Amino acid sequence: MRRMFLYAMILVCLLTSCEKILIGPVEKNTPENNFEILWHEFDRSYALFDVKKVDWNAMYNKYRPMVKSNTSNDELWNIITQMLETLKDPHTVLFDITPSKYYVSGHNDFRNMEDFSLNVVINNYLGQEFSQNSNGYLVYGHVPGHSIGYLYIASFGSDDKWPKDIDAIIENLSAYKTLIVDIRANGGGPTWNNQYLISAFIDHKIEYIKWKSRSGPQHNDFESPTILSVEPRKGKKQFTGNIALLTNRYSGSSSDHFTYVLKNLPNVVQIGDTTVGNFGTMSNGRQLPNGWTYNFTARLATRMDDVALDSLGGQVPDILIINKKINIQAGQDKVMEKAIEILSK
């Protein structure tokens, strides 16, 4: 389950990232050159050196001498991933398609995803009272015996057409007084998909995040910020009743954005575990001469008061409830049960 989730998350990020950088002239495929290209690209464009408190020049001095002309691909992989691990940034990814292997910086800090199963939710808390949209990204229904709707958002990935399915779903769920919105195991996706879904739960425009791209050779050189905002969908029904937002340690990237906006609404309570805490934009299109693809955080994300969001360690729930593997194996979801308890009151 953990391996499938990570692989899916990486593919979403590789295919849907906001920035796609064209590759320049063909470079020599040597271990030294592969290392140099990657290190210098991070040095020029990576957005979080100050946030992560990493001395990138010191990393060069430590790891560059390890790379020789006869360094094997496996050895080079280990050297580079050791260096990238210092960033502890899940938006920093190294991917080798042949043989298929991948690395996500900092992801070893998270335990295996044993605290959530959509099948447990469906079978034990919704019964047959559920439906889903055509690609399965949106699963919805209600909790039998309660006036509580349920919406699971599996991903914010893929194209920008499926999010409009939320319009009819909100019409359906408006029959219920309260709503559980579940984004556990949602690894993110394009910002515009996330924003369209957020717009189904607000009744006024909200400016919520500043994005800043690197603009110069110094690690603290940034362009003027772009302000992200969301506003209600025109002519569409909004759900503005009480909401329980369910998160876990695999709710990241656009799920962090989604959580950040919703949890600051007066009608929303966040229940479960802390989110991943990666808010910046992931780059795309970087490729080394040996064929490896790599990505990294290309924009710094801050609150409106300029506090760096990636420095805060994720969105901490209002009510901390952590399922254990034994709970899921027994068909019990304590996070769902707490949400039902809270909304029933």
C-alpha atoms as a PDB file:
ATOM      1  CA  MET A   1       0.000   0.000   0.000  1.00  0.00           C
ATOM      2  CA  ARG A   2       2.774   2.452   0.959  1.00  0.00           C
ATOM      3  CA  ARG A   3       4.798   1.681  -2.187  1.00  0.00           C
ATOM      4  CA  MET A   4       1.739   2.063  -4.446  1.00  0.00           C
ATOM      5  CA  PHE A   5       0.863   5.376  -2.813  1.00  0.00           C
ATOM      6  CA  LEU A   6       4.382   6.784  -3.201  1.00  0.00           C
ATOM      7  CA  TYR A   7       4.595   5.649  -6.825  1.00  0.00           C
ATOM      8  CA  ALA A   8       1.218   7.240  -7.606  1.00  0.00           C
ATOM      9  CA  MET A   9       2.185  10.451  -5.819  1.00  0.00           C
ATOM     10  CA  ILE A  10       5.401  10.730  -7.830  1.00  0.00           C
ATOM     11  CA  LEU A  11       3.629  10.111 -11.139  1.00  0.00           C
ATOM     12  CA  VAL A  12       1.042  12.784 -10.289  1.00  0.00           C
ATOM     13  CA  CYS A  13       3.812  15.228  -9.455  1.00  0.00           C
ATOM     14  CA  LEU A  14       5.840  14.398 -12.565  1.00  0.00           C
ATOM     15  CA  LEU A  15       2.840  14.709 -14.880  1.00  0.00           C
ATOM     16  CA  THR A  16       0.967  17.631 -13.353  1.00  0.00           C
ATOM     17  CA  SER A  17       3.504  19.998 -11.809  1.00  0.00           C
ATOM     18  CA  CYS A  18       2.992  23.666 -12.495  1.00  0.00           C
ATOM     19  CA  GLU A  19       6.434  24.275 -14.017  1.00  0.00           C
ATOM     20  CA  LYS A  20       7.866  22.411 -17.007  1.00  0.00           C
ATOM     21  CA  ILE A  21      11.441  23.369 -17.798  1.00  0.00           C
ATOM     22  CA  LEU A  22      12.840  22.557 -21.240  1.00  0.00           C
ATOM     23  CA  ILE A  23      16.069  20.594 -21.362  1.00  0.00           C
ATOM     24  CA  GLY A  24      19.090  22.282 -22.957  1.00  0.00           C
ATOM     25  CA  PRO A  25      21.888  20.835 -25.119  1.00  0.00           C
ATOM     26  CA  VAL A  26      22.958  17.215 -24.671  1.00  0.00           C
ATOM     27  CA  GLU A  27      25.398  16.920 -21.771  1.00  0.00           C
ATOM     28  CA  LYS A  28      28.113  14.338 -21.202  1.00  0.00           C
ATOM     29  CA  ASN A  29      26.828  11.287 -19.349  1.00  0.00           C
ATOM     30  CA  THR A  30      29.487  10.911 -16.696  1.00  0.00           C
ATOM     31  CA  PRO A  31      29.007  10.461 -12.928  1.00  0.00           C
ATOM     32  CA  GLU A  32      30.766  13.765 -12.232  1.00  0.00           C
ATOM     33  CA  ASN A  33      28.669  15.689 -14.760  1.00  0.00           C
ATOM     34  CA  ASN A  34      25.378  14.177 -13.567  1.00  0.00           C
ATOM     35  CA  PHE A  35      26.204  15.274 -10.021  1.00  0.00           C
ATOM     36  CA  GLU A  36      27.320  18.744 -11.108  1.00  0.00           C
ATOM     37  CA  ILE A  37      24.169  19.371 -13.167  1.00  0.00           C
ATOM     38  CA  LEU A  38      21.860  18.385 -10.332  1.00  0.00           C
ATOM     39  CA  TRP A  39      23.755  20.320  -7.647  1.00  0.00           C
ATOM     40  CA  HIS A  40      23.949  23.515  -9.741  1.00  0.00           C
ATOM     41  CA  GLU A  41      20.261  23.337 -10.745  1.00  0.00           C
ATOM     42  CA  PHE A  42      19.265  23.158  -7.078  1.00  0.00           C
ATOM     43  CA  ASP A  43      21.713  25.962  -6.282  1.00  0.00           C
ATOM     44  CA  ARG A  44      20.110  28.233  -8.903  1.00  0.00           C
ATOM     45  CA  SER A  45      16.433  27.400  -8.454  1.00  0.00           C
ATOM     46  CA  TYR A  46      15.585  25.574  -5.201  1.00  0.00           C
ATOM     47  CA  ALA A  47      13.350  27.764  -3.009  1.00  0.00           C
ATOM     48  CA  LEU A  48      13.708  26.388   0.518  1.00  0.00           C
ATOM     49  CA  PHE A  49      17.394  26.483   1.506  1.00  0.00           C
ATOM     50  CA  ASP A  50      16.774  29.128   4.188  1.00  0.00           C
ATOM     51  CA  VAL A  51      13.591  27.415   5.381  1.00  0.00           C
ATOM     52  CA  LYS A  52      15.339  24.043   5.631  1.00  0.00           C
ATOM     53  CA  LYS A  53      18.489  25.636   7.116  1.00  0.00           C
ATOM     54  CA  VAL A  54      20.735  23.718   4.716  1.00  0.00           C
ATOM     55  CA  ASP A  55      24.183  24.996   3.668  1.00  0.00           C
ATOM     56  CA  TRP A  56      24.171  23.811   0.049  1.00  0.00           C
ATOM     57  CA  ASN A  57      27.845  24.675  -0.509  1.00  0.00           C
ATOM     58  CA  ALA A  58      28.732  22.494   2.452  1.00  0.00           C
ATOM     59  CA  MET A  59      26.764  19.668   0.850  1.00  0.00           C
ATOM     60  CA  TYR A  60      28.842  20.069  -2.314  1.00  0.00           C
ATOM     61  CA  ASN A  61      32.076  19.962  -0.345  1.00  0.00           C
ATOM     62  CA  LYS A  62      30.937  16.824   1.467  1.00  0.00           C
ATOM     63  CA  TYR A  63      29.450  14.776  -1.386  1.00  0.00           C
ATOM     64  CA  ARG A  64      31.225  15.930  -4.567  1.00  0.00           C
ATOM     65  CA  PRO A  65      34.565  14.255  -3.620  1.00  0.00           C
ATOM     66  CA  MET A  66      32.710  10.934  -3.346  1.00  0.00           C
ATOM     67  CA  VAL A  67      31.914  10.985  -7.073  1.00  0.00           C
ATOM     68  CA  LYS A  68      34.654   9.604  -9.346  1.00  0.00           C
ATOM     69  CA  SER A  69      34.858   8.790 -13.039  1.00  0.00           C
ATOM     70  CA  ASN A  70      34.294   5.094 -12.210  1.00  0.00           C
ATOM     71  CA  THR A  71      31.381   5.660  -9.794  1.00  0.00           C
ATOM     72  CA  SER A  72      28.567   3.268 -10.689  1.00  0.00           C
ATOM     73  CA  ASN A  73      24.955   4.358 -11.148  1.00  0.00           C
ATOM     74  CA  ASP A  74      23.979   2.616  -7.910  1.00  0.00           C
ATOM     75  CA  GLU A  75      26.762   4.382  -6.028  1.00  0.00           C
ATOM     76  CA  LEU A  76      25.829   7.731  -7.575  1.00  0.00           C
ATOM     77  CA  TRP A  77      22.184   7.181  -6.625  1.00  0.00           C
ATOM     78  CA  ASN A  78      23.179   6.585  -2.999  1.00  0.00           C
ATOM     79  CA  ILE A  79      25.433   9.662  -2.906  1.00  0.00           C
ATOM     80  CA  ILE A  80      22.827  11.987  -4.412  1.00  0.00           C
ATOM     81  CA  THR A  81      19.952  10.708  -2.264  1.00  0.00           C
ATOM     82  CA  GLN A  82      22.071  11.087   0.885  1.00  0.00           C
ATOM     83  CA  MET A  83      22.650  14.713  -0.094  1.00  0.00           C
ATOM     84  CA  LEU A  84      18.972  15.346  -0.933  1.00  0.00           C
ATOM     85  CA  GLU A  85      17.876  13.773   2.352  1.00  0.00           C
ATOM     86  CA  THR A  86      19.306  16.793   4.191  1.00  0.00           C
ATOM     87  CA  LEU A  87      16.474  18.874   2.662  1.00  0.00           C
ATOM     88  CA  LYS A  88      13.723  16.662   4.124  1.00  0.00           C
ATOM     89  CA  ASP A  89      11.388  17.973   1.442  1.00  0.00           C
ATOM     90  CA  PRO A  90       8.747  15.596  -0.017  1.00  0.00           C
ATOM     91  CA  HIS A  91       8.605  17.780  -3.141  1.00  0.00           C
ATOM     92  CA  THR A  92      12.208  16.752  -3.850  1.00  0.00           C
ATOM     93  CA  VAL A  93      12.062  13.562  -5.894  1.00  0.00           C
ATOM     94  CA  LEU A  94      14.566  11.458  -7.849  1.00  0.00           C
ATOM     95  CA  PHE A  95      13.111   8.981 -10.331  1.00  0.00           C
ATOM     96  CA  ASP A  96      14.775   6.340 -12.502  1.00  0.00           C
ATOM     97  CA  ILE A  97      12.399   4.732 -14.963  1.00  0.00           C
ATOM     98  CA  THR A  98      14.794   1.865 -15.881  1.00  0.00           C
ATOM     99  CA  PRO A  99      14.880   0.048 -13.568  1.00  0.00           C
ATOM    100  CA  SER A 100      11.845   1.630 -11.951  1.00  0.00           C
ATOM    101  CA  LYS A 101      12.918   3.160  -8.651  1.00  0.00           C
ATOM    102  CA  TYR A 102      12.301   6.435  -6.904  1.00  0.00           C
ATOM    103  CA  TYR A 103      13.343   8.473  -3.914  1.00  0.00           C
ATOM    104  CA  VAL A 104      11.327  11.075  -1.961  1.00  0.00           C
ATOM    105  CA  SER A 105      13.332  13.343   0.359  1.00  0.00           C
ATOM    106  CA  GLY A 106      12.297  13.158   3.987  1.00  0.00           C
ATOM    107  CA  HIS A 107       9.608  10.575   3.436  1.00  0.00           C
ATOM    108  CA  ASN A 108      11.329   8.111   5.757  1.00  0.00           C
ATOM    109  CA  ASP A 109      10.136  10.363   8.591  1.00  0.00           C
ATOM    110  CA  PHE A 110       6.621   9.060   7.987  1.00  0.00           C
ATOM    111  CA  ARG A 111       5.403   5.671   9.072  1.00  0.00           C
ATOM    112  CA  ASN A 112       3.822   3.169   6.695  1.00  0.00           C
ATOM    113  CA  MET A 113       0.268   4.139   5.821  1.00  0.00           C
ATOM    114  CA  GLU A 114      -1.574   1.714   8.067  1.00  0.00           C
ATOM    115  CA  ASP A 115      -4.057   4.184   9.557  1.00  0.00           C
ATOM    116  CA  PHE A 116      -6.570   4.477   6.709  1.00  0.00           C
ATOM    117  CA  SER A 117      -8.593   2.261   4.395  1.00  0.00           C
ATOM    118  CA  LEU A 118     -11.340   3.582   2.145  1.00  0.00           C
ATOM    119  CA  ASN A 119     -12.814   0.083   2.049  1.00  0.00           C
ATOM    120  CA  VAL A 120     -13.228   0.143   5.831  1.00  0.00           C
ATOM    121  CA  VAL A 121     -15.031   3.497   5.585  1.00  0.00           C
ATOM    122  CA  ILE A 122     -17.338   2.253   2.822  1.00  0.00           C
ATOM    123  CA  ASN A 123     -18.089  -1.183   4.273  1.00  0.00           C
ATOM    124  CA  ASN A 124     -18.464  -0.230   7.936  1.00  0.00           C
ATOM    125  CA  TYR A 125     -19.623   3.400   7.962  1.00  0.00           C
ATOM    126  CA  LEU A 126     -21.439   4.031   4.671  1.00  0.00           C
ATOM    127  CA  GLY A 127     -22.709   0.560   3.736  1.00  0.00           C
ATOM    128  CA  GLN A 128     -24.259   0.705   0.274  1.00  0.00           C
ATOM    129  CA  GLU A 129     -25.027   4.404   0.667  1.00  0.00           C
ATOM    130  CA  PHE A 130     -22.248   5.720  -1.576  1.00  0.00           C
ATOM    131  CA  SER A 131     -21.447   6.700  -5.170  1.00  0.00           C
ATOM    132  CA  GLN A 132     -18.371   7.912  -7.028  1.00  0.00           C
ATOM    133  CA  ASN A 133     -17.532  10.037 -10.040  1.00  0.00           C
ATOM    134  CA  SER A 134     -16.210   8.512 -13.261  1.00  0.00           C
ATOM    135  CA  ASN A 135     -12.501   8.445 -12.355  1.00  0.00           C
ATOM    136  CA  GLY A 136     -13.059   7.475  -8.714  1.00  0.00           C
ATOM    137  CA  TYR A 137     -11.410  10.618  -7.320  1.00  0.00           C
ATOM    138  CA  LEU A 138     -14.637  11.634  -5.569  1.00  0.00           C
ATOM    139  CA  VAL A 139     -16.520   9.118  -3.417  1.00  0.00           C
ATOM    140  CA  TYR A 140     -19.633  10.390  -1.657  1.00  0.00           C
ATOM    141  CA  GLY A 141     -22.660   9.280   0.314  1.00  0.00           C
ATOM    142  CA  HIS A 142     -23.991   9.573   3.849  1.00  0.00           C
ATOM    143  CA  VAL A 143     -23.749   7.927   7.242  1.00  0.00           C
ATOM    144  CA  PRO A 144     -26.874   5.780   7.789  1.00  0.00           C
ATOM    145  CA  GLY A 145     -28.972   6.915  10.726  1.00  0.00           C
ATOM    146  CA  HIS A 146     -27.467  10.400  10.770  1.00  0.00           C
ATOM    147  CA  SER A 147     -27.922  13.622   8.791  1.00  0.00           C
ATOM    148  CA  ILE A 148     -24.209  13.489   7.915  1.00  0.00           C
ATOM    149  CA  GLY A 149     -22.927  13.477   4.349  1.00  0.00           C
ATOM    150  CA  TYR A 150     -19.547  12.039   3.368  1.00  0.00           C
ATOM    151  CA  LEU A 151     -17.111  13.105   0.642  1.00  0.00           C
ATOM    152  CA  TYR A 152     -13.754  11.428   0.001  1.00  0.00           C
ATOM    153  CA  ILE A 153     -11.279  13.236  -2.270  1.00  0.00           C
ATOM    154  CA  ALA A 154      -8.705  10.645  -3.343  1.00  0.00           C
ATOM    155  CA  SER A 155      -6.486  13.038  -5.311  1.00  0.00           C
ATOM    156  CA  PHE A 156      -6.330  16.505  -6.825  1.00  0.00           C
ATOM    157  CA  GLY A 157      -4.428  15.082  -9.800  1.00  0.00           C
ATOM    158  CA  SER A 158      -5.012  14.505 -13.500  1.00  0.00           C
ATOM    159  CA  ASP A 159      -6.881  16.896 -15.831  1.00  0.00           C
ATOM    160  CA  ASP A 160      -8.987  19.928 -14.920  1.00  0.00           C
ATOM    161  CA  LYS A 161     -12.358  18.502 -16.032  1.00  0.00           C
ATOM    162  CA  TRP A 162     -13.281  16.034 -13.279  1.00  0.00           C
ATOM    163  CA  PRO A 163     -13.323  18.612 -10.427  1.00  0.00           C
ATOM    164  CA  LYS A 164     -16.499  20.068 -11.930  1.00  0.00           C
ATOM    165  CA  ASP A 165     -18.228  16.846 -10.831  1.00  0.00           C
ATOM    166  CA  ILE A 166     -18.275  18.457  -7.376  1.00  0.00           C
ATOM    167  CA  ASP A 167     -21.116  20.734  -8.551  1.00  0.00           C
ATOM    168  CA  ALA A 168     -23.670  17.909  -8.793  1.00  0.00           C
ATOM    169  CA  ILE A 169     -22.227  16.170  -5.737  1.00  0.00           C
ATOM    170  CA  ILE A 170     -22.700  19.253  -3.551  1.00  0.00           C
ATOM    171  CA  GLU A 171     -26.289  19.494  -4.808  1.00  0.00           C
ATOM    172  CA  ASN A 172     -26.745  15.902  -3.643  1.00  0.00           C
ATOM    173  CA  LEU A 173     -24.997  16.390  -0.289  1.00  0.00           C
ATOM    174  CA  SER A 174     -26.901  19.596   0.498  1.00  0.00           C
ATOM    175  CA  ALA A 175     -29.708  17.359   1.753  1.00  0.00           C
ATOM    176  CA  TYR A 176     -27.577  16.715   4.856  1.00  0.00           C
ATOM    177  CA  LYS A 177     -27.007  19.189   7.673  1.00  0.00           C
ATOM    178  CA  THR A 178     -23.335  18.326   8.198  1.00  0.00           C
ATOM    179  CA  LEU A 179     -20.525  16.843   6.130  1.00  0.00           C
ATOM    180  CA  ILE A 180     -17.385  14.756   6.549  1.00  0.00           C
ATOM    181  CA  VAL A 181     -14.699  15.751   4.003  1.00  0.00           C
ATOM    182  CA  ASP A 182     -11.973  13.102   3.941  1.00  0.00           C
ATOM    183  CA  ILE A 183      -8.589  13.791   2.291  1.00  0.00           C
ATOM    184  CA  ARG A 184      -6.541  11.095   4.020  1.00  0.00           C
ATOM    185  CA  ALA A 185      -3.940   9.536   1.668  1.00  0.00           C
ATOM    186  CA  ASN A 186      -4.456  12.384  -0.821  1.00  0.00           C
ATOM    187  CA  GLY A 187      -0.939  13.254  -2.036  1.00  0.00           C
ATOM    188  CA  GLY A 188      -1.960  16.381  -3.942  1.00  0.00           C
ATOM    189  CA  GLY A 189      -2.132  17.525  -7.563  1.00  0.00           C
ATOM    190  CA  PRO A 190      -2.558  20.740  -9.574  1.00  0.00           C
ATOM    191  CA  THR A 191      -3.428  23.899  -7.677  1.00  0.00           C
ATOM    192  CA  TRP A 192      -6.364  24.761  -9.949  1.00  0.00           C
ATOM    193  CA  ASN A 193      -8.116  21.450  -9.149  1.00  0.00           C
ATOM    194  CA  ASN A 194      -7.622  21.993  -5.436  1.00  0.00           C
ATOM    195  CA  GLN A 195      -8.951  25.563  -5.712  1.00  0.00           C
ATOM    196  CA  TYR A 196     -12.087  24.509  -7.600  1.00  0.00           C
ATOM    197  CA  LEU A 197     -12.955  22.009  -4.885  1.00  0.00           C
ATOM    198  CA  ILE A 198     -12.245  24.537  -2.128  1.00  0.00           C
ATOM    199  CA  SER A 199     -14.677  26.903  -3.838  1.00  0.00           C
ATOM    200  CA  ALA A 200     -17.521  24.487  -3.057  1.00  0.00           C
ATOM    201  CA  PHE A 201     -17.172  25.176   0.684  1.00  0.00           C
ATOM    202  CA  ILE A 202     -16.772  28.963   0.960  1.00  0.00           C
ATOM    203  CA  ASP A 203     -19.166  31.905   0.708  1.00  0.00           C
ATOM    204  CA  HIS A 204     -16.644  34.726   0.181  1.00  0.00           C
ATOM    205  CA  LYS A 205     -13.325  35.361  -1.544  1.00  0.00           C
ATOM    206  CA  ILE A 206     -10.255  34.307   0.448  1.00  0.00           C
ATOM    207  CA  GLU A 207      -6.641  35.300  -0.227  1.00  0.00           C
ATOM    208  CA  TYR A 208      -4.629  32.649   1.532  1.00  0.00           C
ATOM    209  CA  ILE A 209      -1.035  32.089   0.343  1.00  0.00           C
ATOM    210  CA  LYS A 210       1.849  33.989  -1.254  1.00  0.00           C
ATOM    211  CA  TRP A 211       4.107  32.177  -3.724  1.00  0.00           C
ATOM    212  CA  LYS A 212       7.617  33.450  -4.464  1.00  0.00           C
ATOM    213  CA  SER A 213       9.983  32.091  -7.149  1.00  0.00           C
ATOM    214  CA  ARG A 214      13.773  32.375  -7.049  1.00  0.00           C
ATOM    215  CA  SER A 215      14.989  35.397  -9.024  1.00  0.00           C
ATOM    216  CA  GLY A 216      18.756  35.431  -8.581  1.00  0.00           C
ATOM    217  CA  PRO A 217      21.897  33.501  -7.612  1.00  0.00           C
ATOM    218  CA  GLN A 218      21.550  34.072  -3.874  1.00  0.00           C
ATOM    219  CA  HIS A 219      19.388  31.582  -2.024  1.00  0.00           C
ATOM    220  CA  ASN A 220      17.227  34.407  -0.641  1.00  0.00           C
ATOM    221  CA  ASP A 221      16.688  36.153  -4.008  1.00  0.00           C
ATOM    222  CA  PHE A 222      12.955  36.013  -4.791  1.00  0.00           C
ATOM    223  CA  GLU A 223      10.557  37.645  -7.228  1.00  0.00           C
ATOM    224  CA  SER A 224       7.577  39.680  -6.066  1.00  0.00           C
ATOM    225  CA  PRO A 225       4.935  37.309  -4.672  1.00  0.00           C
ATOM    226  CA  THR A 226       1.924  35.879  -6.453  1.00  0.00           C
ATOM    227  CA  ILE A 227      -1.139  35.785  -4.197  1.00  0.00           C
ATOM    228  CA  LEU A 228      -3.329  32.685  -4.333  1.00  0.00           C
ATOM    229  CA  SER A 229      -7.032  33.216  -3.763  1.00  0.00           C
ATOM    230  CA  VAL A 230     -10.284  31.284  -3.983  1.00  0.00           C
ATOM    231  CA  GLU A 231     -13.855  32.469  -4.291  1.00  0.00           C
ATOM    232  CA  PRO A 232     -17.305  30.840  -4.473  1.00  0.00           C
ATOM    233  CA  ARG A 233     -18.340  29.301  -7.790  1.00  0.00           C
ATOM    234  CA  LYS A 234     -20.834  31.572  -9.521  1.00  0.00           C
ATOM    235  CA  GLY A 235     -24.322  30.136  -9.828  1.00  0.00           C
ATOM    236  CA  LYS A 236     -23.418  26.942  -7.950  1.00  0.00           C
ATOM    237  CA  LYS A 237     -24.532  25.662  -4.554  1.00  0.00           C
ATOM    238  CA  GLN A 238     -22.007  25.882  -1.721  1.00  0.00           C
ATOM    239  CA  PHE A 239     -21.899  23.629   1.341  1.00  0.00           C
ATOM    240  CA  THR A 240     -21.477  25.930   4.331  1.00  0.00           C
ATOM    241  CA  GLY A 241     -22.822  23.706   7.117  1.00  0.00           C
ATOM    242  CA  ASN A 242     -20.607  22.197   9.800  1.00  0.00           C
ATOM    243  CA  ILE A 243     -17.737  20.145   8.340  1.00  0.00           C
ATOM    244  CA  ALA A 244     -15.321  17.593   9.824  1.00  0.00           C
ATOM    245  CA  LEU A 245     -12.132  17.574   7.732  1.00  0.00           C
ATOM    246  CA  LEU A 246     -10.190  14.300   8.043  1.00  0.00           C
ATOM    247  CA  THR A 247      -6.407  14.282   7.418  1.00  0.00           C
ATOM    248  CA  ASN A 248      -3.405  12.044   7.986  1.00  0.00           C
ATOM    249  CA  ARG A 249       0.362  12.064   7.423  1.00  0.00           C
ATOM    250  CA  TYR A 250      -0.190  11.294   3.737  1.00  0.00           C
ATOM    251  CA  SER A 251      -2.322  14.402   3.096  1.00  0.00           C
ATOM    252  CA  GLY A 252       0.165  16.661   1.353  1.00  0.00           C
ATOM    253  CA  SER A 253       0.885  19.351  -1.234  1.00  0.00           C
ATOM    254  CA  SER A 254      -2.526  20.498  -2.557  1.00  0.00           C
ATOM    255  CA  SER A 255      -4.068  18.695   0.424  1.00  0.00           C
ATOM    256  CA  ASP A 256      -2.020  21.019   2.644  1.00  0.00           C
ATOM    257  CA  HIS A 257      -3.483  23.997   0.762  1.00  0.00           C
ATOM    258  CA  PHE A 258      -6.998  22.568   1.024  1.00  0.00           C
ATOM    259  CA  THR A 259      -6.588  21.985   4.767  1.00  0.00           C
ATOM    260  CA  TYR A 260      -5.026  25.408   5.353  1.00  0.00           C
ATOM    261  CA  VAL A 261      -8.027  27.203   3.850  1.00  0.00           C
ATOM    262  CA  LEU A 262     -10.810  25.044   5.268  1.00  0.00           C
ATOM    263  CA  LYS A 263      -9.519  24.672   8.829  1.00  0.00           C
ATOM    264  CA  ASN A 264      -9.537  28.462   9.226  1.00  0.00           C
ATOM    265  CA  LEU A 265     -13.266  28.612   8.501  1.00  0.00           C
ATOM    266  CA  PRO A 266     -15.480  28.868  11.607  1.00  0.00           C
ATOM    267  CA  ASN A 267     -17.632  25.888  10.583  1.00  0.00           C
ATOM    268  CA  VAL A 268     -14.762  23.405  10.048  1.00  0.00           C
ATOM    269  CA  VAL A 269     -12.949  21.164  12.536  1.00  0.00           C
ATOM    270  CA  GLN A 270      -9.867  19.174  11.447  1.00  0.00           C
ATOM    271  CA  ILE A 271      -9.705  15.637  12.866  1.00  0.00           C
ATOM    272  CA  GLY A 272      -7.046  12.935  12.477  1.00  0.00           C
ATOM    273  CA  ASP A 273      -3.294  13.358  12.095  1.00  0.00           C
ATOM    274  CA  THR A 274      -1.038  16.230  10.978  1.00  0.00           C
ATOM    275  CA  THR A 275      -0.655  16.837   7.241  1.00  0.00           C
ATOM    276  CA  VAL A 276       2.662  16.520   5.381  1.00  0.00           C
ATOM    277  CA  GLY A 277       3.378  20.266   5.332  1.00  0.00           C
ATOM    278  CA  ASN A 278       4.713  20.867   1.796  1.00  0.00           C
ATOM    279  CA  PHE A 279       3.143  23.969   0.239  1.00  0.00           C
ATOM    280  CA  GLY A 280       5.538  25.137  -2.487  1.00  0.00           C
ATOM    281  CA  THR A 281       5.265  24.368  -6.193  1.00  0.00           C
ATOM    282  CA  MET A 282       7.073  21.297  -7.468  1.00  0.00           C
ATOM    283  CA  SER A 283       9.201  21.807 -10.580  1.00  0.00           C
ATOM    284  CA  ASN A 284       9.084  19.408 -13.509  1.00  0.00           C
ATOM    285  CA  GLY A 285      11.102  18.491 -16.578  1.00  0.00           C
ATOM    286  CA  ARG A 286      14.598  18.240 -15.113  1.00  0.00           C
ATOM    287  CA  GLN A 287      16.505  15.295 -16.514  1.00  0.00           C
ATOM    288  CA  LEU A 288      20.095  14.198 -16.084  1.00  0.00           C
ATOM    289  CA  PRO A 289      22.190  12.831 -18.974  1.00  0.00           C
ATOM    290  CA  ASN A 290      21.862   9.322 -17.497  1.00  0.00           C
ATOM    291  CA  GLY A 291      18.045   9.544 -17.819  1.00  0.00           C
ATOM    292  CA  TRP A 292      17.143  10.193 -14.190  1.00  0.00           C
ATOM    293  CA  THR A 293      14.376  12.733 -13.615  1.00  0.00           C
ATOM    294  CA  TYR A 294      14.444  15.009 -10.600  1.00  0.00           C
ATOM    295  CA  ASN A 295      12.060  17.539  -9.093  1.00  0.00           C
ATOM    296  CA  PHE A 296      12.234  20.026  -6.261  1.00  0.00           C
ATOM    297  CA  THR A 297      10.318  22.859  -4.606  1.00  0.00           C
ATOM    298  CA  ALA A 298      10.520  25.754  -7.066  1.00  0.00           C
ATOM    299  CA  ARG A 299       8.454  28.318  -5.144  1.00  0.00           C
ATOM    300  CA  LEU A 300       8.468  29.442  -1.531  1.00  0.00           C
ATOM    301  CA  ALA A 301       4.971  29.483  -0.003  1.00  0.00           C
ATOM    302  CA  THR A 302       4.204  31.850   2.853  1.00  0.00           C
ATOM    303  CA  ARG A 303       1.194  32.914   4.840  1.00  0.00           C
ATOM    304  CA  MET A 304      -0.137  36.386   4.120  1.00  0.00           C
ATOM    305  CA  ASP A 305       2.065  37.646   7.000  1.00  0.00           C
ATOM    306  CA  ASP A 306       5.145  36.199   5.205  1.00  0.00           C
ATOM    307  CA  VAL A 307       5.737  33.257   7.574  1.00  0.00           C
ATOM    308  CA  ALA A 308       7.085  30.328   5.516  1.00  0.00           C
ATOM    309  CA  LEU A 309       4.475  27.568   5.557  1.00  0.00           C
ATOM    310  CA  ASP A 310       6.962  24.769   4.889  1.00  0.00           C
ATOM    311  CA  SER A 311       8.678  25.669   8.173  1.00  0.00           C
ATOM    312  CA  LEU A 312       5.582  24.885  10.260  1.00  0.00           C
ATOM    313  CA  GLY A 313       5.599  21.087  10.002  1.00  0.00           C
ATOM    314  CA  GLY A 314       2.136  20.510   8.556  1.00  0.00           C
ATOM    315  CA  GLN A 315      -1.395  21.409   9.598  1.00  0.00           C
ATOM    316  CA  VAL A 316      -1.987  20.117  13.124  1.00  0.00           C
ATOM    317  CA  PRO A 317      -5.536  18.842  13.663  1.00  0.00           C
ATOM    318  CA  ASP A 318      -7.934  20.414  16.149  1.00  0.00           C
ATOM    319  CA  ILE A 319      -8.627  16.902  17.417  1.00  0.00           C
ATOM    320  CA  LEU A 320      -5.711  14.470  17.193  1.00  0.00           C
ATOM    321  CA  ILE A 321      -6.901  10.911  16.568  1.00  0.00           C
ATOM    322  CA  ILE A 322      -4.486   8.328  15.167  1.00  0.00           C
ATOM    323  CA  ASN A 323      -5.763   5.013  13.888  1.00  0.00           C
ATOM    324  CA  LYS A 324      -3.527   2.009  14.348  1.00  0.00           C
ATOM    325  CA  LYS A 325      -3.038  -0.954  12.043  1.00  0.00           C
ATOM    326  CA  ILE A 326      -4.938  -3.154  14.473  1.00  0.00           C
ATOM    327  CA  ASN A 327      -7.952  -0.799  14.282  1.00  0.00           C
ATOM    328  CA  ILE A 328      -8.065  -0.897  10.491  1.00  0.00           C
ATOM    329  CA  GLN A 329      -7.619  -4.683  10.450  1.00  0.00           C
ATOM    330  CA  ALA A 330     -10.590  -4.934  12.818  1.00  0.00           C
ATOM    331  CA  GLY A 331     -12.689  -2.736  10.517  1.00  0.00           C
ATOM    332  CA  GLN A 332     -12.618   0.231  12.893  1.00  0.00           C
ATOM    333  CA  ASP A 333     -11.849   3.832  11.868  1.00  0.00           C
ATOM    334  CA  LYS A 334     -11.537   5.900  15.055  1.00  0.00           C
ATOM    335  CA  VAL A 335     -11.183   9.118  13.051  1.00  0.00           C
ATOM    336  CA  MET A 336     -14.512   8.500  11.292  1.00  0.00           C
ATOM    337  CA  GLU A 337     -16.133   7.652  14.616  1.00  0.00           C
ATOM    338  CA  LYS A 338     -14.913  10.878  16.214  1.00  0.00           C
ATOM    339  CA  ALA A 339     -16.166  12.873  13.210  1.00  0.00           C
ATOM    340  CA  ILE A 340     -19.607  11.247  13.471  1.00  0.00           C
ATOM    341  CA  GLU A 341     -19.643  11.923  17.212  1.00  0.00           C
ATOM    342  CA  ILE A 342     -18.722  15.605  16.783  1.00  0.00           C
ATOM    343  CA  LEU A 343     -21.136  16.265  13.918  1.00  0.00           C
ATOM    344  CA  SER A 344     -23.990  14.443  15.651  1.00  0.00           C
ATOM    345  CA  LYS A 345     -23.819  17.012  18.440  1.00  0.00           C
END
